């Protein structure tokens, strides 16, 4: 893991990390992975997933949004979050050894939503992106299913993978499936049986959280490899 910083066009800097792909299997692709609204890119969830996906052959880049870097609780406006993501995306593409890689973007919850908005709203960033992965897409606020966060999704043309907990209060797979089916781009759904918004599962299911995460990480890496693997 290599820490670095990204200078933002509007001023300030955010911290970031690069997790280098494991030597065994290399997919020759970079995954820029954004954190959710409530925890930084150094949170256990983010570190666990970044390390696991790197071990499965991806070069992974994580970063903080400006509000998280400043240790503020409320997220920045959407335009600020998207601008930050765009700067990190440009920086990641210039890192040594990653210049010619195909790029996947996405994130946990809010981070994934911002990734999709960036691709929908910014042609330059969209041209850099080959696919998107969402770890718990926040389809709507909990208890407010009428407030859908989907208006921009038809503008996304890249393949998308949504990993969604069966009981996610931000949107269940049953709610998300018809939305994805109506999109013009390939949109796949990976259901975490019994899972919540962070894929947490009740003990009564008889599976460990580590096993759940492993299944998700295997599925994400396999989905990316099926679409982006570079045989050079």
C-alpha atoms as a PDB file:
ATOM      1  CA  UNK A   1       0.000   0.000   0.000  1.00  0.00           C
ATOM      2  CA  UNK A   2       1.372   3.393  -1.033  1.00  0.00           C
ATOM      3  CA  UNK A   3      -0.117   6.651   0.369  1.00  0.00           C
ATOM      4  CA  UNK A   4      -0.152   9.806  -1.746  1.00  0.00           C
ATOM      5  CA  UNK A   5      -2.076  13.070  -2.102  1.00  0.00           C
ATOM      6  CA  UNK A   6      -4.134  14.583  -4.908  1.00  0.00           C
ATOM      7  CA  UNK A   7      -4.262  18.354  -5.440  1.00  0.00           C
ATOM      8  CA  UNK A   8      -7.735  19.627  -6.283  1.00  0.00           C
ATOM      9  CA  UNK A   9      -8.454  22.216  -8.955  1.00  0.00           C
ATOM     10  CA  UNK A  10     -10.515  24.323  -6.559  1.00  0.00           C
ATOM     11  CA  UNK A  11      -7.769  24.243  -3.926  1.00  0.00           C
ATOM     12  CA  UNK A  12      -6.776  21.900  -1.164  1.00  0.00           C
ATOM     13  CA  UNK A  13      -5.602  18.320  -1.268  1.00  0.00           C
ATOM     14  CA  UNK A  14      -7.048  14.929  -0.375  1.00  0.00           C
ATOM     15  CA  UNK A  15      -5.248  11.843   0.833  1.00  0.00           C
ATOM     16  CA  UNK A  16      -5.264   8.672  -1.228  1.00  0.00           C
ATOM     17  CA  UNK A  17      -3.755   5.201  -1.333  1.00  0.00           C
ATOM     18  CA  UNK A  18      -2.630   2.848  -4.059  1.00  0.00           C
ATOM     19  CA  UNK A  19      -2.918  -0.890  -3.464  1.00  0.00           C
ATOM     20  CA  UNK A  20      -0.760  -2.712  -5.983  1.00  0.00           C
ATOM     21  CA  UNK A  21      -2.121  -5.811  -7.672  1.00  0.00           C
ATOM     22  CA  UNK A  22      -0.819  -9.100  -6.366  1.00  0.00           C
ATOM     23  CA  UNK A  23       1.954 -10.752  -8.320  1.00  0.00           C
ATOM     24  CA  UNK A  24       0.056 -13.996  -8.931  1.00  0.00           C
ATOM     25  CA  UNK A  25      -2.822 -12.866 -11.151  1.00  0.00           C
ATOM     26  CA  UNK A  26      -2.839  -9.401 -12.703  1.00  0.00           C
ATOM     27  CA  UNK A  27      -5.951  -8.150 -14.489  1.00  0.00           C
ATOM     28  CA  UNK A  28      -4.165  -5.079 -15.905  1.00  0.00           C
ATOM     29  CA  UNK A  29      -6.999  -2.825 -14.758  1.00  0.00           C
ATOM     30  CA  UNK A  30      -7.288  -0.066 -12.160  1.00  0.00           C
ATOM     31  CA  UNK A  31     -10.233   0.222  -9.780  1.00  0.00           C
ATOM     32  CA  UNK A  32     -10.772   3.717  -8.320  1.00  0.00           C
ATOM     33  CA  UNK A  33     -12.907   3.048  -5.242  1.00  0.00           C
ATOM     34  CA  UNK A  34     -14.655   5.839  -3.305  1.00  0.00           C
ATOM     35  CA  UNK A  35     -15.817   5.706   0.303  1.00  0.00           C
ATOM     36  CA  UNK A  36     -19.375   6.077   1.593  1.00  0.00           C
ATOM     37  CA  UNK A  37     -20.869   9.113   3.324  1.00  0.00           C
ATOM     38  CA  UNK A  38     -19.973   8.209   6.893  1.00  0.00           C
ATOM     39  CA  UNK A  39     -16.437   6.788   6.920  1.00  0.00           C
ATOM     40  CA  UNK A  40     -13.107   7.626   5.200  1.00  0.00           C
ATOM     41  CA  UNK A  41     -11.111   5.618   2.724  1.00  0.00           C
ATOM     42  CA  UNK A  42      -9.046   4.298   5.646  1.00  0.00           C
ATOM     43  CA  UNK A  43     -12.086   2.656   7.290  1.00  0.00           C
ATOM     44  CA  UNK A  44     -11.926  -1.115   7.895  1.00  0.00           C
ATOM     45  CA  UNK A  45     -14.496  -1.810   5.157  1.00  0.00           C
ATOM     46  CA  UNK A  46     -12.583   0.181   2.558  1.00  0.00           C
ATOM     47  CA  UNK A  47      -9.189  -1.218   3.490  1.00  0.00           C
ATOM     48  CA  UNK A  48     -10.521  -4.783   3.566  1.00  0.00           C
ATOM     49  CA  UNK A  49     -12.049  -4.487   0.115  1.00  0.00           C
ATOM     50  CA  UNK A  50      -9.090  -2.635  -1.400  1.00  0.00           C
ATOM     51  CA  UNK A  51      -6.612  -5.215  -0.129  1.00  0.00           C
ATOM     52  CA  UNK A  52      -8.803  -8.125  -1.186  1.00  0.00           C
ATOM     53  CA  UNK A  53      -9.371  -6.810  -4.701  1.00  0.00           C
ATOM     54  CA  UNK A  54      -5.667  -6.063  -5.087  1.00  0.00           C
ATOM     55  CA  UNK A  55      -4.931  -9.637  -4.071  1.00  0.00           C
ATOM     56  CA  UNK A  56      -7.300 -10.718  -6.853  1.00  0.00           C
ATOM     57  CA  UNK A  57      -5.321  -8.869  -9.522  1.00  0.00           C
ATOM     58  CA  UNK A  58      -6.574  -5.277  -9.561  1.00  0.00           C
ATOM     59  CA  UNK A  59      -4.590  -2.128  -8.894  1.00  0.00           C
ATOM     60  CA  UNK A  60      -6.864  -0.257  -6.477  1.00  0.00           C
ATOM     61  CA  UNK A  61      -6.885   3.464  -5.669  1.00  0.00           C
ATOM     62  CA  UNK A  62      -8.886   4.848  -2.731  1.00  0.00           C
ATOM     63  CA  UNK A  63      -9.226   8.459  -1.580  1.00  0.00           C
ATOM     64  CA  UNK A  64     -11.074  10.888   0.680  1.00  0.00           C
ATOM     65  CA  UNK A  65     -13.618  13.400  -0.486  1.00  0.00           C
ATOM     66  CA  UNK A  66     -12.849  16.975   0.712  1.00  0.00           C
ATOM     67  CA  UNK A  67     -15.359  17.031   3.585  1.00  0.00           C
ATOM     68  CA  UNK A  68     -13.970  13.774   4.949  1.00  0.00           C
ATOM     69  CA  UNK A  69     -10.405  15.023   4.600  1.00  0.00           C
ATOM     70  CA  UNK A  70     -11.422  18.083   6.657  1.00  0.00           C
ATOM     71  CA  UNK A  71     -13.209  15.826   9.170  1.00  0.00           C
ATOM     72  CA  UNK A  72     -16.582  17.413   8.562  1.00  0.00           C
ATOM     73  CA  UNK A  73     -19.697  15.304   9.010  1.00  0.00           C
ATOM     74  CA  UNK A  74     -21.844  16.585   6.156  1.00  0.00           C
ATOM     75  CA  UNK A  75     -20.849  15.624   2.600  1.00  0.00           C
ATOM     76  CA  UNK A  76     -19.892  18.326   0.123  1.00  0.00           C
ATOM     77  CA  UNK A  77     -22.341  19.371  -2.630  1.00  0.00           C
ATOM     78  CA  UNK A  78     -22.529  16.960  -5.532  1.00  0.00           C
ATOM     79  CA  UNK A  79     -20.511  19.173  -7.882  1.00  0.00           C
ATOM     80  CA  UNK A  80     -17.628  19.255  -5.352  1.00  0.00           C
ATOM     81  CA  UNK A  81     -17.706  15.485  -4.875  1.00  0.00           C
ATOM     82  CA  UNK A  82     -17.746  14.901  -8.634  1.00  0.00           C
ATOM     83  CA  UNK A  83     -14.894  17.371  -9.216  1.00  0.00           C
ATOM     84  CA  UNK A  84     -12.793  15.625  -6.581  1.00  0.00           C
ATOM     85  CA  UNK A  85     -13.495  12.217  -8.121  1.00  0.00           C
ATOM     86  CA  UNK A  86     -12.512  13.566 -11.548  1.00  0.00           C
ATOM     87  CA  UNK A  87      -9.165  14.833 -10.214  1.00  0.00           C
ATOM     88  CA  UNK A  88      -8.422  11.504  -8.538  1.00  0.00           C
ATOM     89  CA  UNK A  89      -9.353   9.667 -11.717  1.00  0.00           C
ATOM     90  CA  UNK A  90      -6.930  11.807 -13.744  1.00  0.00           C
ATOM     91  CA  UNK A  91      -4.191  11.354 -11.134  1.00  0.00           C
ATOM     92  CA  UNK A  92      -4.683   7.588 -10.972  1.00  0.00           C
ATOM     93  CA  UNK A  93      -4.261   7.320 -14.727  1.00  0.00           C
ATOM     94  CA  UNK A  94      -0.861   9.008 -14.478  1.00  0.00           C
ATOM     95  CA  UNK A  95       0.560   6.832 -11.693  1.00  0.00           C
ATOM     96  CA  UNK A  96       3.663   4.859 -12.714  1.00  0.00           C
ATOM     97  CA  UNK A  97       2.636   1.583 -14.305  1.00  0.00           C
ATOM     98  CA  UNK A  98      -1.050   2.516 -14.549  1.00  0.00           C
ATOM     99  CA  UNK A  99      -0.910   4.884 -17.527  1.00  0.00           C
ATOM    100  CA  UNK A 100      -2.430   2.515 -20.092  1.00  0.00           C
ATOM    101  CA  UNK A 101      -4.735   0.518 -17.884  1.00  0.00           C
ATOM    102  CA  UNK A 102      -8.455   0.142 -18.361  1.00  0.00           C
ATOM    103  CA  UNK A 103     -10.264   1.799 -15.466  1.00  0.00           C
ATOM    104  CA  UNK A 104     -13.208   0.763 -13.310  1.00  0.00           C
ATOM    105  CA  UNK A 105     -14.740   3.300 -10.938  1.00  0.00           C
ATOM    106  CA  UNK A 106     -17.309   2.979  -8.186  1.00  0.00           C
ATOM    107  CA  UNK A 107     -17.560   2.919  -4.455  1.00  0.00           C
ATOM    108  CA  UNK A 108     -19.433   2.122  -1.318  1.00  0.00           C
ATOM    109  CA  UNK A 109     -22.917   3.661  -1.154  1.00  0.00           C
ATOM    110  CA  UNK A 110     -22.549   7.419  -1.800  1.00  0.00           C
ATOM    111  CA  UNK A 111     -19.142   6.880  -3.405  1.00  0.00           C
ATOM    112  CA  UNK A 112     -20.703   4.646  -6.042  1.00  0.00           C
ATOM    113  CA  UNK A 113     -23.513   7.111  -6.694  1.00  0.00           C
ATOM    114  CA  UNK A 114     -20.996   9.927  -7.221  1.00  0.00           C
ATOM    115  CA  UNK A 115     -19.022   7.711  -9.592  1.00  0.00           C
ATOM    116  CA  UNK A 116     -22.150   7.152 -11.677  1.00  0.00           C
ATOM    117  CA  UNK A 117     -22.994  10.873 -11.646  1.00  0.00           C
ATOM    118  CA  UNK A 118     -19.469  11.709 -12.779  1.00  0.00           C
ATOM    119  CA  UNK A 119     -19.734   9.402 -15.774  1.00  0.00           C
ATOM    120  CA  UNK A 120     -23.187  10.744 -16.596  1.00  0.00           C
ATOM    121  CA  UNK A 121     -22.207  14.418 -16.312  1.00  0.00           C
ATOM    122  CA  UNK A 122     -18.554  14.655 -17.421  1.00  0.00           C
ATOM    123  CA  UNK A 123     -17.636  13.454 -20.915  1.00  0.00           C
ATOM    124  CA  UNK A 124     -13.881  13.632 -20.250  1.00  0.00           C
ATOM    125  CA  UNK A 125     -14.140  11.414 -17.191  1.00  0.00           C
ATOM    126  CA  UNK A 126     -16.586   9.083 -18.925  1.00  0.00           C
ATOM    127  CA  UNK A 127     -14.088   8.506 -21.729  1.00  0.00           C
ATOM    128  CA  UNK A 128     -11.579   7.216 -19.166  1.00  0.00           C
ATOM    129  CA  UNK A 129     -13.962   4.672 -17.627  1.00  0.00           C
ATOM    130  CA  UNK A 130     -14.638   1.154 -18.895  1.00  0.00           C
ATOM    131  CA  UNK A 131     -17.057  -0.075 -16.192  1.00  0.00           C
ATOM    132  CA  UNK A 132     -18.590   0.777 -12.817  1.00  0.00           C
ATOM    133  CA  UNK A 133     -19.068  -1.225  -9.610  1.00  0.00           C
ATOM    134  CA  UNK A 134     -21.396  -0.171  -6.791  1.00  0.00           C
ATOM    135  CA  UNK A 135     -21.032  -1.662  -3.306  1.00  0.00           C
ATOM    136  CA  UNK A 136     -24.539  -0.984  -2.028  1.00  0.00           C
ATOM    137  CA  UNK A 137     -26.120   1.533  -4.389  1.00  0.00           C
ATOM    138  CA  UNK A 138     -28.149   4.109  -2.387  1.00  0.00           C
ATOM    139  CA  UNK A 139     -31.288   3.915  -4.488  1.00  0.00           C
ATOM    140  CA  UNK A 140     -33.244   6.088  -2.055  1.00  0.00           C
ATOM    141  CA  UNK A 141     -32.966   7.381   1.530  1.00  0.00           C
ATOM    142  CA  UNK A 142     -34.145   4.825   4.119  1.00  0.00           C
ATOM    143  CA  UNK A 143     -37.905   4.920   4.468  1.00  0.00           C
ATOM    144  CA  UNK A 144     -38.328   7.222   1.440  1.00  0.00           C
ATOM    145  CA  UNK A 145     -38.665   4.927  -1.594  1.00  0.00           C
ATOM    146  CA  UNK A 146     -40.250   7.726  -3.617  1.00  0.00           C
ATOM    147  CA  UNK A 147     -36.993   9.739  -3.568  1.00  0.00           C
ATOM    148  CA  UNK A 148     -35.136   7.763  -6.206  1.00  0.00           C
ATOM    149  CA  UNK A 149     -31.550   8.638  -7.112  1.00  0.00           C
ATOM    150  CA  UNK A 150     -31.737   7.311 -10.640  1.00  0.00           C
ATOM    151  CA  UNK A 151     -32.418  10.230 -13.017  1.00  0.00           C
ATOM    152  CA  UNK A 152     -28.816  10.270 -14.268  1.00  0.00           C
ATOM    153  CA  UNK A 153     -28.356   6.522 -14.721  1.00  0.00           C
ATOM    154  CA  UNK A 154     -29.749   6.294 -18.306  1.00  0.00           C
ATOM    155  CA  UNK A 155     -26.831   8.520 -19.378  1.00  0.00           C
ATOM    156  CA  UNK A 156     -24.298   5.891 -18.243  1.00  0.00           C
ATOM    157  CA  UNK A 157     -23.200   3.729 -21.176  1.00  0.00           C
ATOM    158  CA  UNK A 158     -20.596   1.557 -19.479  1.00  0.00           C
ATOM    159  CA  UNK A 159     -21.387  -1.846 -17.913  1.00  0.00           C
ATOM    160  CA  UNK A 160     -22.447  -1.595 -14.276  1.00  0.00           C
ATOM    161  CA  UNK A 161     -22.433  -4.085 -11.416  1.00  0.00           C
ATOM    162  CA  UNK A 162     -24.567  -3.442  -8.330  1.00  0.00           C
ATOM    163  CA  UNK A 163     -23.714  -5.494  -5.252  1.00  0.00           C
ATOM    164  CA  UNK A 164     -26.783  -5.149  -3.055  1.00  0.00           C
ATOM    165  CA  UNK A 165     -27.725  -6.589   0.320  1.00  0.00           C
ATOM    166  CA  UNK A 166     -31.039  -8.444   0.348  1.00  0.00           C
ATOM    167  CA  UNK A 167     -32.365  -6.215   3.137  1.00  0.00           C
ATOM    168  CA  UNK A 168     -30.596  -2.945   2.277  1.00  0.00           C
ATOM    169  CA  UNK A 169     -32.721  -0.066   3.675  1.00  0.00           C
ATOM    170  CA  UNK A 170     -31.322   2.202   0.950  1.00  0.00           C
ATOM    171  CA  UNK A 171     -32.865  -0.044  -1.701  1.00  0.00           C
ATOM    172  CA  UNK A 172     -33.410  -3.783  -1.884  1.00  0.00           C
ATOM    173  CA  UNK A 173     -32.464  -5.894  -4.902  1.00  0.00           C
ATOM    174  CA  UNK A 174     -36.195  -6.247  -5.619  1.00  0.00           C
ATOM    175  CA  UNK A 175     -36.464  -2.442  -5.850  1.00  0.00           C
ATOM    176  CA  UNK A 176     -33.257  -2.071  -7.832  1.00  0.00           C
ATOM    177  CA  UNK A 177     -33.836  -4.848 -10.396  1.00  0.00           C
ATOM    178  CA  UNK A 178     -36.518  -3.063 -12.488  1.00  0.00           C
ATOM    179  CA  UNK A 179     -34.459   0.133 -12.488  1.00  0.00           C
ATOM    180  CA  UNK A 180     -31.435  -1.712 -13.875  1.00  0.00           C
ATOM    181  CA  UNK A 181     -33.522  -3.637 -16.398  1.00  0.00           C
ATOM    182  CA  UNK A 182     -34.717  -0.365 -17.933  1.00  0.00           C
ATOM    183  CA  UNK A 183     -31.218   1.057 -18.454  1.00  0.00           C
ATOM    184  CA  UNK A 184     -29.578   1.065 -21.902  1.00  0.00           C
ATOM    185  CA  UNK A 185     -26.228  -0.180 -20.571  1.00  0.00           C
ATOM    186  CA  UNK A 186     -25.467  -3.684 -19.336  1.00  0.00           C
ATOM    187  CA  UNK A 187     -26.462  -3.632 -15.665  1.00  0.00           C
ATOM    188  CA  UNK A 188     -25.906  -6.677 -13.467  1.00  0.00           C
ATOM    189  CA  UNK A 189     -27.100  -7.356  -9.922  1.00  0.00           C
ATOM    190  CA  UNK A 190     -25.162  -9.369  -7.340  1.00  0.00           C
ATOM    191  CA  UNK A 191     -27.390 -10.130  -4.332  1.00  0.00           C
ATOM    192  CA  UNK A 192     -25.901 -10.602  -0.867  1.00  0.00           C
ATOM    193  CA  UNK A 193     -28.305 -13.042   0.784  1.00  0.00           C
ATOM    194  CA  UNK A 194     -29.529 -11.683   4.117  1.00  0.00           C
ATOM    195  CA  UNK A 195     -27.253  -8.674   3.814  1.00  0.00           C
ATOM    196  CA  UNK A 196     -27.730  -5.078   4.878  1.00  0.00           C
ATOM    197  CA  UNK A 197     -26.287  -1.894   3.441  1.00  0.00           C
ATOM    198  CA  UNK A 198     -22.706  -2.880   4.291  1.00  0.00           C
ATOM    199  CA  UNK A 199     -23.416  -6.547   3.538  1.00  0.00           C
ATOM    200  CA  UNK A 200     -23.729  -7.329   7.255  1.00  0.00           C
ATOM    201  CA  UNK A 201     -25.648 -10.562   7.875  1.00  0.00           C
ATOM    202  CA  UNK A 202     -27.398 -11.939  10.978  1.00  0.00           C
ATOM    203  CA  UNK A 203     -25.695 -14.729  12.887  1.00  0.00           C
ATOM    204  CA  UNK A 204     -28.690 -17.003  12.381  1.00  0.00           C
ATOM    205  CA  UNK A 205     -27.646 -17.491   8.755  1.00  0.00           C
ATOM    206  CA  UNK A 206     -24.630 -19.457   9.970  1.00  0.00           C
ATOM    207  CA  UNK A 207     -22.063 -17.694   7.812  1.00  0.00           C
ATOM    208  CA  UNK A 208     -19.250 -15.425   8.929  1.00  0.00           C
ATOM    209  CA  UNK A 209     -18.889 -11.833   7.801  1.00  0.00           C
ATOM    210  CA  UNK A 210     -15.502 -12.738   6.357  1.00  0.00           C
ATOM    211  CA  UNK A 211     -17.129 -15.439   4.223  1.00  0.00           C
ATOM    212  CA  UNK A 212     -19.720 -12.958   2.963  1.00  0.00           C
ATOM    213  CA  UNK A 213     -17.028 -10.442   2.049  1.00  0.00           C
ATOM    214  CA  UNK A 214     -14.980 -13.123   0.306  1.00  0.00           C
ATOM    215  CA  UNK A 215     -17.963 -14.107  -1.828  1.00  0.00           C
ATOM    216  CA  UNK A 216     -18.545 -10.472  -2.795  1.00  0.00           C
ATOM    217  CA  UNK A 217     -14.865  -9.835  -3.536  1.00  0.00           C
ATOM    218  CA  UNK A 218     -14.635 -12.969  -5.667  1.00  0.00           C
ATOM    219  CA  UNK A 219     -17.770 -11.924  -7.548  1.00  0.00           C
ATOM    220  CA  UNK A 220     -16.558  -8.387  -8.198  1.00  0.00           C
ATOM    221  CA  UNK A 221     -13.142  -9.530  -9.418  1.00  0.00           C
ATOM    222  CA  UNK A 222     -14.706 -12.186 -11.643  1.00  0.00           C
ATOM    223  CA  UNK A 223     -17.183  -9.686 -13.142  1.00  0.00           C
ATOM    224  CA  UNK A 224     -14.385  -7.222 -13.910  1.00  0.00           C
ATOM    225  CA  UNK A 225     -12.162  -9.931 -15.363  1.00  0.00           C
ATOM    226  CA  UNK A 226     -14.960 -11.174 -17.631  1.00  0.00           C
ATOM    227  CA  UNK A 227     -15.283  -7.697 -19.152  1.00  0.00           C
ATOM    228  CA  UNK A 228     -11.897  -6.043 -18.930  1.00  0.00           C
ATOM    229  CA  UNK A 229      -9.193  -8.682 -18.757  1.00  0.00           C
ATOM    230  CA  UNK A 230      -6.129  -7.680 -20.741  1.00  0.00           C
ATOM    231  CA  UNK A 231      -4.143 -10.678 -21.962  1.00  0.00           C
ATOM    232  CA  UNK A 232      -0.987  -8.713 -22.789  1.00  0.00           C
END
